[in-house]
Amino acid sequence: MSDTMHHLGPAEIYEKLTALHIPFDYHEHPPAPTAAVAATYWSDIDAGYCKNLFFRNHKGNKHFLVVIAHNQSLGIKSLEQKLRQGKITFASGWRLEKYLGTTTGAISPLGLVFDEWHNIHLFLDEALSNYDKLAFHPNDNRAAVAIALNDLLRFIDACGNSREFGAWAG
């Protein structure tokens, strides 16, 4: 780890990683608003590249962060059946800001550090367990942070959010 003062993204993310003694690889690149674009810049990063999708239920009282491999697709109807929460939709920009401290194009489970209400349930696709490390934006789409899967799980647990593995993609 290096001096976190010069890393892109909120200091709270790096402070939490440091407090938990989680080592990470840090890389800067041009803006990458989608997982497909990020993958072009992340080719030298030895990690699974992730696509992060943020949803809410119809009532707006439950939120879900779904993390899948960057090259996987996700059908909302299929996800609705798996979640058994009724109709779900992508969460709005203000919900992204409120719960994850970020904007569209920079969604990351690292943003759970801002979910002080522990309102977000995290779904990790089981295919991600095939990677030693996973890469995410640090709530800024001009950088990538790669951390070990077990360290990501420790980070999520320390943030107080519920999580589960499953076959969410496809």
Protein backbone atom coordinates (compact mmCIF):
# COMPACT_ATOMS: atom_id res chain seq x y z
CA MET A 1 0.00 0.00 0.00
CA SER A 2 1.11 3.49 -0.68
CA ASP A 3 0.18 6.94 0.54
CA THR A 4 -3.59 7.15 0.19
CA MET A 5 -3.60 10.94 0.05
CA HIS A 6 -3.05 10.89 -3.72
CA HIS A 7 -5.54 8.17 -4.62
CA LEU A 8 -8.65 9.01 -6.60
CA GLY A 9 -11.94 8.37 -4.83
CA PRO A 10 -13.19 9.13 -1.33
CA ALA A 11 -10.68 8.99 1.51
CA GLU A 12 -13.20 6.97 3.57
CA ILE A 13 -12.69 3.95 1.31
CA TYR A 14 -8.91 3.97 1.74
CA GLU A 15 -9.20 4.68 5.47
CA LYS A 16 -11.44 1.60 5.88
CA LEU A 17 -9.08 -0.58 3.81
CA THR A 18 -6.13 0.63 5.89
CA ALA A 19 -7.97 0.18 9.22
CA LEU A 20 -8.78 -3.41 8.24
CA HIS A 21 -5.17 -4.02 7.10
CA ILE A 22 -6.39 -4.90 3.61
CA PRO A 23 -3.65 -4.67 0.99
CA PHE A 24 -4.74 -3.40 -2.41
CA ASP A 25 -3.35 -2.67 -5.84
CA TYR A 26 -4.15 0.79 -7.17
CA HIS A 27 -4.25 1.83 -10.83
CA GLU A 28 -5.28 5.10 -12.51
CA HIS A 29 -6.67 5.30 -16.04
CA PRO A 30 -8.88 7.50 -18.23
CA PRO A 31 -12.59 7.66 -17.23
CA ALA A 32 -14.30 4.29 -17.65
CA PRO A 33 -18.08 4.66 -17.17
CA THR A 34 -18.90 1.03 -18.04
CA ALA A 35 -17.42 -2.35 -17.16
CA ALA A 36 -16.63 -2.96 -20.83
CA VAL A 37 -14.60 0.26 -21.07
CA ALA A 38 -12.89 -0.42 -17.73
CA ALA A 39 -11.83 -3.87 -18.97
CA THR A 40 -9.82 -2.23 -21.75
CA TYR A 41 -7.81 -0.26 -19.18
CA TRP A 42 -7.58 -3.07 -16.64
CA SER A 43 -5.95 -5.68 -18.89
CA ASP A 44 -2.69 -5.48 -16.90
CA ILE A 45 -4.45 -5.92 -13.55
CA ASP A 46 -4.27 -9.50 -12.29
CA ALA A 47 -7.85 -9.68 -11.04
CA GLY A 48 -11.42 -10.44 -12.06
CA TYR A 49 -13.05 -7.29 -13.39
CA CYS A 50 -16.46 -6.67 -11.91
CA LYS A 51 -19.72 -5.16 -13.11
CA ASN A 52 -21.70 -3.60 -10.26
CA LEU A 53 -25.43 -3.00 -10.57
CA PHE A 54 -27.53 -1.18 -7.97
CA PHE A 55 -31.25 -1.90 -7.69
CA ARG A 56 -34.19 -1.05 -5.46
CA ASN A 57 -37.45 -2.86 -4.88
CA HIS A 58 -40.79 -1.40 -5.98
CA LYS A 59 -41.46 0.20 -2.58
CA GLY A 60 -37.98 1.72 -2.49
CA ASN A 61 -37.30 0.37 1.00
CA LYS A 62 -34.82 -2.36 0.00
CA HIS A 63 -31.66 -1.98 -2.05
CA PHE A 64 -29.52 -4.57 -3.77
CA LEU A 65 -25.99 -4.40 -5.12
CA VAL A 66 -25.31 -7.18 -7.61
CA VAL A 67 -21.67 -7.88 -8.48
CA ILE A 68 -20.94 -10.06 -11.50
CA ALA A 69 -17.96 -10.59 -13.81
CA HIS A 70 -17.58 -7.72 -16.30
CA ASN A 71 -18.34 -9.95 -19.28
CA GLN A 72 -21.51 -11.48 -17.85
CA SER A 73 -25.03 -10.25 -18.48
CA LEU A 74 -27.89 -9.95 -16.07
CA GLY A 75 -31.56 -10.25 -16.93
CA ILE A 76 -33.71 -8.17 -14.60
CA LYS A 77 -36.69 -10.55 -14.90
CA SER A 78 -34.46 -13.49 -13.96
CA LEU A 79 -33.01 -11.50 -11.07
CA GLU A 80 -36.51 -10.59 -9.85
CA GLN A 81 -37.38 -14.29 -9.72
CA LYS A 82 -34.20 -15.10 -7.81
CA LEU A 83 -34.66 -12.24 -5.33
CA ARG A 84 -38.39 -12.85 -4.78
CA GLN A 85 -38.85 -9.15 -3.99
CA GLY A 86 -41.37 -8.33 -6.71
CA LYS A 87 -40.53 -5.73 -9.32
CA ILE A 88 -37.07 -4.19 -9.08
CA THR A 89 -35.58 -1.27 -10.96
CA PHE A 90 -32.23 0.43 -11.21
CA ALA A 91 -31.75 2.80 -8.30
CA SER A 92 -31.76 6.52 -9.06
CA GLY A 93 -28.78 8.84 -8.95
CA TRP A 94 -29.80 10.30 -5.60
CA ARG A 95 -30.01 6.77 -4.11
CA LEU A 96 -26.53 6.02 -5.45
CA GLU A 97 -25.25 9.16 -3.74
CA LYS A 98 -27.16 8.56 -0.49
CA TYR A 99 -26.34 4.88 0.01
CA LEU A 100 -23.05 4.35 -1.84
CA GLY A 101 -21.57 7.84 -2.01
CA THR A 102 -21.10 7.60 -5.76
CA THR A 103 -22.61 8.19 -9.18
CA THR A 104 -23.57 6.06 -12.18
CA GLY A 105 -20.46 4.63 -13.83
CA ALA A 106 -18.48 4.34 -10.60
CA ILE A 107 -20.60 1.91 -8.54
CA SER A 108 -18.57 -0.33 -6.25
CA PRO A 109 -19.00 -2.51 -3.17
CA LEU A 110 -16.28 -0.30 -1.66
CA GLY A 111 -19.00 2.37 -1.48
CA LEU A 112 -20.72 0.31 1.23
CA VAL A 113 -18.57 2.30 3.64
CA PHE A 114 -21.20 5.05 3.16
CA ASP A 115 -24.25 2.84 3.86
CA GLU A 116 -24.53 3.73 7.54
CA TRP A 117 -28.04 2.22 7.62
CA HIS A 118 -26.84 -1.19 6.33
CA ASN A 119 -29.72 -0.94 3.88
CA ILE A 120 -28.00 -2.65 0.94
CA HIS A 121 -27.93 -6.43 0.51
CA LEU A 122 -25.01 -7.56 -1.62
CA PHE A 123 -25.24 -10.39 -4.14
CA LEU A 124 -21.93 -11.75 -5.42
CA ASP A 125 -22.02 -14.05 -8.41
CA GLU A 126 -20.47 -17.39 -7.53
CA ALA A 127 -18.26 -17.22 -10.65
CA LEU A 128 -16.26 -14.46 -8.92
CA SER A 129 -14.88 -17.05 -6.49
CA ASN A 130 -12.72 -18.29 -9.38
CA TYR A 131 -10.51 -15.21 -9.01
CA ASP A 132 -7.87 -14.57 -6.35
CA LYS A 133 -8.48 -10.82 -6.58
CA LEU A 134 -11.33 -8.64 -7.78
CA ALA A 135 -11.06 -5.14 -9.28
CA PHE A 136 -13.45 -2.27 -8.62
CA HIS A 137 -13.62 1.47 -9.06
CA PRO A 138 -12.95 3.25 -5.74
CA ASN A 139 -16.17 5.26 -6.34
CA ASP A 140 -14.24 7.10 -9.06
CA ASN A 141 -14.22 5.69 -12.59
CA ARG A 142 -10.71 7.00 -13.26
CA ALA A 143 -9.11 4.37 -11.02
CA ALA A 144 -9.22 0.71 -10.06
CA VAL A 145 -8.56 -1.01 -6.76
CA ALA A 146 -7.88 -4.75 -6.75
CA ILE A 147 -8.23 -6.71 -3.52
CA ALA A 148 -8.39 -10.36 -2.55
CA LEU A 149 -11.87 -11.87 -2.46
CA ASN A 150 -11.53 -12.80 1.23
CA ASP A 151 -10.50 -9.21 1.99
CA LEU A 152 -13.52 -7.92 0.10
CA LEU A 153 -15.74 -10.13 2.24
CA ARG A 154 -14.06 -8.77 5.40
CA PHE A 155 -14.63 -5.23 4.12
CA ILE A 156 -18.33 -5.91 3.47
CA ASP A 157 -18.76 -7.55 6.87
CA ALA A 158 -17.00 -4.62 8.59
CA CYS A 159 -19.41 -2.24 6.85
CA GLY A 160 -22.27 -4.23 8.38
CA ASN A 161 -24.02 -5.23 5.15
CA SER A 162 -25.60 -8.59 4.46
CA ARG A 163 -24.26 -10.61 1.54
CA GLU A 164 -24.63 -13.87 -0.30
CA PHE A 165 -23.11 -15.82 -3.16
CA GLY A 166 -25.28 -17.27 -5.89
CA ALA A 167 -25.77 -17.65 -9.63
CA TRP A 168 -26.96 -14.11 -10.34
CA ALA A 169 -25.70 -13.70 -13.90
CA GLY A 170 -27.09 -15.34 -17.02
